[in-house]
Amino acid sequence: MDTEFAVERAVVIPVSDTVILPGVSTIFHLSKPSGALLRALREGEVKAAAVPLRHAVEDRNTEDDDFFRLGVMFDVKSVEEDEDGAVLRGKA
């Protein structure tokens, strides 16, 4: 049996205290997203992956060691800006 691997690039959405199941619609709250990221997500230019954090990350940049190694790819259904950042609706 041959196994094929595909390498895809995706925007990583850090998640914590959240369970994401395949086939289920989910809402993500993004704080301080860049305009370029929101535009790319709206226009479907990039794929998105929700990757859980190992621990809470306060107001600092995340690093590789902050994340678990597995995440869930999801389709972005809508992106809406609000006063706290943005609300991203997607389906895993």
C-alpha atoms as a PDB file:
ATOM      1  CA  MET A   1       0.000   0.000   0.000  1.00  0.00           C
ATOM      2  CA  ASP A   2       1.462   3.337  -1.065  1.00  0.00           C
ATOM      3  CA  THR A   3       0.976   6.366   1.119  1.00  0.00           C
ATOM      4  CA  GLU A   4       0.949   9.873  -0.296  1.00  0.00           C
ATOM      5  CA  PHE A   5       1.612  12.955   1.731  1.00  0.00           C
ATOM      6  CA  ALA A   6       0.460  16.410   0.738  1.00  0.00           C
ATOM      7  CA  VAL A   7       2.003  19.521   2.202  1.00  0.00           C
ATOM      8  CA  GLU A   8      -0.384  22.443   2.488  1.00  0.00           C
ATOM      9  CA  ARG A   9       0.153  25.874   3.940  1.00  0.00           C
ATOM     10  CA  ALA A  10      -2.452  27.305   6.288  1.00  0.00           C
ATOM     11  CA  VAL A  11      -2.977  30.156   8.696  1.00  0.00           C
ATOM     12  CA  VAL A  12      -2.784  28.851  12.261  1.00  0.00           C
ATOM     13  CA  ILE A  13      -5.589  29.989  14.537  1.00  0.00           C
ATOM     14  CA  PRO A  14      -4.502  29.402  18.158  1.00  0.00           C
ATOM     15  CA  VAL A  15      -7.325  27.951  20.262  1.00  0.00           C
ATOM     16  CA  SER A  16      -7.620  27.153  23.941  1.00  0.00           C
ATOM     17  CA  ASP A  17     -10.348  25.633  26.107  1.00  0.00           C
ATOM     18  CA  THR A  18     -12.163  24.537  22.946  1.00  0.00           C
ATOM     19  CA  VAL A  19     -13.108  21.174  21.479  1.00  0.00           C
ATOM     20  CA  ILE A  20     -13.360  21.140  17.690  1.00  0.00           C
ATOM     21  CA  LEU A  21     -14.874  18.097  16.038  1.00  0.00           C
ATOM     22  CA  PRO A  22     -14.735  17.305  12.305  1.00  0.00           C
ATOM     23  CA  GLY A  23     -17.919  18.236  10.462  1.00  0.00           C
ATOM     24  CA  VAL A  24     -19.090  20.661  13.162  1.00  0.00           C
ATOM     25  CA  SER A  25     -19.550  24.409  12.663  1.00  0.00           C
ATOM     26  CA  THR A  26     -17.527  26.507  15.090  1.00  0.00           C
ATOM     27  CA  ILE A  27     -17.140  30.181  15.993  1.00  0.00           C
ATOM     28  CA  PHE A  28     -13.676  31.561  16.755  1.00  0.00           C
ATOM     29  CA  HIS A  29     -12.999  34.943  18.348  1.00  0.00           C
ATOM     30  CA  LEU A  30      -9.826  36.549  17.009  1.00  0.00           C
ATOM     31  CA  SER A  31      -8.234  39.364  18.980  1.00  0.00           C
ATOM     32  CA  LYS A  32      -6.092  41.864  17.095  1.00  0.00           C
ATOM     33  CA  PRO A  33      -6.096  40.176  13.659  1.00  0.00           C
ATOM     34  CA  SER A  34      -4.243  42.004  10.907  1.00  0.00           C
ATOM     35  CA  GLY A  35      -6.152  43.524   8.026  1.00  0.00           C
ATOM     36  CA  ALA A  36      -4.199  41.334   5.602  1.00  0.00           C
ATOM     37  CA  LEU A  37      -5.220  38.186   7.489  1.00  0.00           C
ATOM     38  CA  LEU A  38      -8.898  39.163   7.543  1.00  0.00           C
ATOM     39  CA  ARG A  39      -8.829  39.985   3.831  1.00  0.00           C
ATOM     40  CA  ALA A  40      -7.136  36.678   2.966  1.00  0.00           C
ATOM     41  CA  LEU A  41      -9.626  34.695   5.066  1.00  0.00           C
ATOM     42  CA  ARG A  42     -12.616  36.505   3.540  1.00  0.00           C
ATOM     43  CA  GLU A  43     -11.410  35.983   0.002  1.00  0.00           C
ATOM     44  CA  GLY A  44     -10.530  32.328   0.542  1.00  0.00           C
ATOM     45  CA  GLU A  45      -6.887  32.883  -0.371  1.00  0.00           C
ATOM     46  CA  VAL A  46      -5.587  30.823   2.528  1.00  0.00           C
ATOM     47  CA  LYS A  47      -6.653  27.724   4.384  1.00  0.00           C
ATOM     48  CA  ALA A  48      -7.063  27.815   8.133  1.00  0.00           C
ATOM     49  CA  ALA A  49      -6.050  25.358  10.833  1.00  0.00           C
ATOM     50  CA  ALA A  50      -7.187  25.540  14.450  1.00  0.00           C
ATOM     51  CA  VAL A  51      -4.273  24.356  16.596  1.00  0.00           C
ATOM     52  CA  PRO A  52      -4.680  24.032  20.374  1.00  0.00           C
ATOM     53  CA  LEU A  53      -2.320  25.780  22.759  1.00  0.00           C
ATOM     54  CA  ARG A  54      -0.590  23.782  25.486  1.00  0.00           C
ATOM     55  CA  HIS A  55      -1.213  26.576  28.013  1.00  0.00           C
ATOM     56  CA  ALA A  56      -2.641  30.071  28.137  1.00  0.00           C
ATOM     57  CA  VAL A  57      -0.553  32.627  26.290  1.00  0.00           C
ATOM     58  CA  GLU A  58      -0.953  36.124  27.593  1.00  0.00           C
ATOM     59  CA  ASP A  59      -0.049  39.231  25.588  1.00  0.00           C
ATOM     60  CA  ARG A  60       3.012  37.859  23.858  1.00  0.00           C
ATOM     61  CA  ASN A  61       3.801  36.227  20.558  1.00  0.00           C
ATOM     62  CA  THR A  62       3.269  32.503  20.393  1.00  0.00           C
ATOM     63  CA  GLU A  63       6.146  30.157  19.689  1.00  0.00           C
ATOM     64  CA  ASP A  64       6.284  26.623  18.285  1.00  0.00           C
ATOM     65  CA  ASP A  65       6.527  25.067  21.748  1.00  0.00           C
ATOM     66  CA  ASP A  66       3.268  26.750  22.820  1.00  0.00           C
ATOM     67  CA  PHE A  67       1.239  24.522  20.465  1.00  0.00           C
ATOM     68  CA  PHE A  68       0.265  20.881  20.393  1.00  0.00           C
ATOM     69  CA  ARG A  69       1.415  19.175  17.178  1.00  0.00           C
ATOM     70  CA  LEU A  70      -2.055  18.339  15.805  1.00  0.00           C
ATOM     71  CA  GLY A  71      -4.847  20.636  14.760  1.00  0.00           C
ATOM     72  CA  VAL A  72      -7.992  20.680  12.643  1.00  0.00           C
ATOM     73  CA  MET A  73      -8.274  22.157   9.146  1.00  0.00           C
ATOM     74  CA  PHE A  74     -11.490  24.071   8.591  1.00  0.00           C
ATOM     75  CA  ASP A  75     -13.341  25.985   5.904  1.00  0.00           C
ATOM     76  CA  VAL A  76     -13.924  29.649   6.638  1.00  0.00           C
ATOM     77  CA  LYS A  77     -17.606  30.489   6.150  1.00  0.00           C
ATOM     78  CA  SER A  78     -17.574  34.140   7.242  1.00  0.00           C
ATOM     79  CA  VAL A  79     -15.423  36.789   8.906  1.00  0.00           C
ATOM     80  CA  GLU A  80     -16.973  39.755  10.726  1.00  0.00           C
ATOM     81  CA  GLU A  81     -15.096  42.507  12.508  1.00  0.00           C
ATOM     82  CA  ASP A  82     -16.280  43.711  15.909  1.00  0.00           C
ATOM     83  CA  GLU A  83     -14.981  45.986  18.679  1.00  0.00           C
ATOM     84  CA  ASP A  84     -12.871  43.182  20.203  1.00  0.00           C
ATOM     85  CA  GLY A  85     -11.271  41.987  16.953  1.00  0.00           C
ATOM     86  CA  ALA A  86     -13.125  39.613  14.647  1.00  0.00           C
ATOM     87  CA  VAL A  87     -15.516  36.673  14.677  1.00  0.00           C
ATOM     88  CA  LEU A  88     -14.625  33.802  12.376  1.00  0.00           C
ATOM     89  CA  ARG A  89     -17.240  31.193  11.510  1.00  0.00           C
ATOM     90  CA  GLY A  90     -16.025  27.953  10.051  1.00  0.00           C
ATOM     91  CA  LYS A  91     -16.667  24.267   9.640  1.00  0.00           C
ATOM     92  CA  ALA A  92     -14.091  21.634  10.475  1.00  0.00           C
END
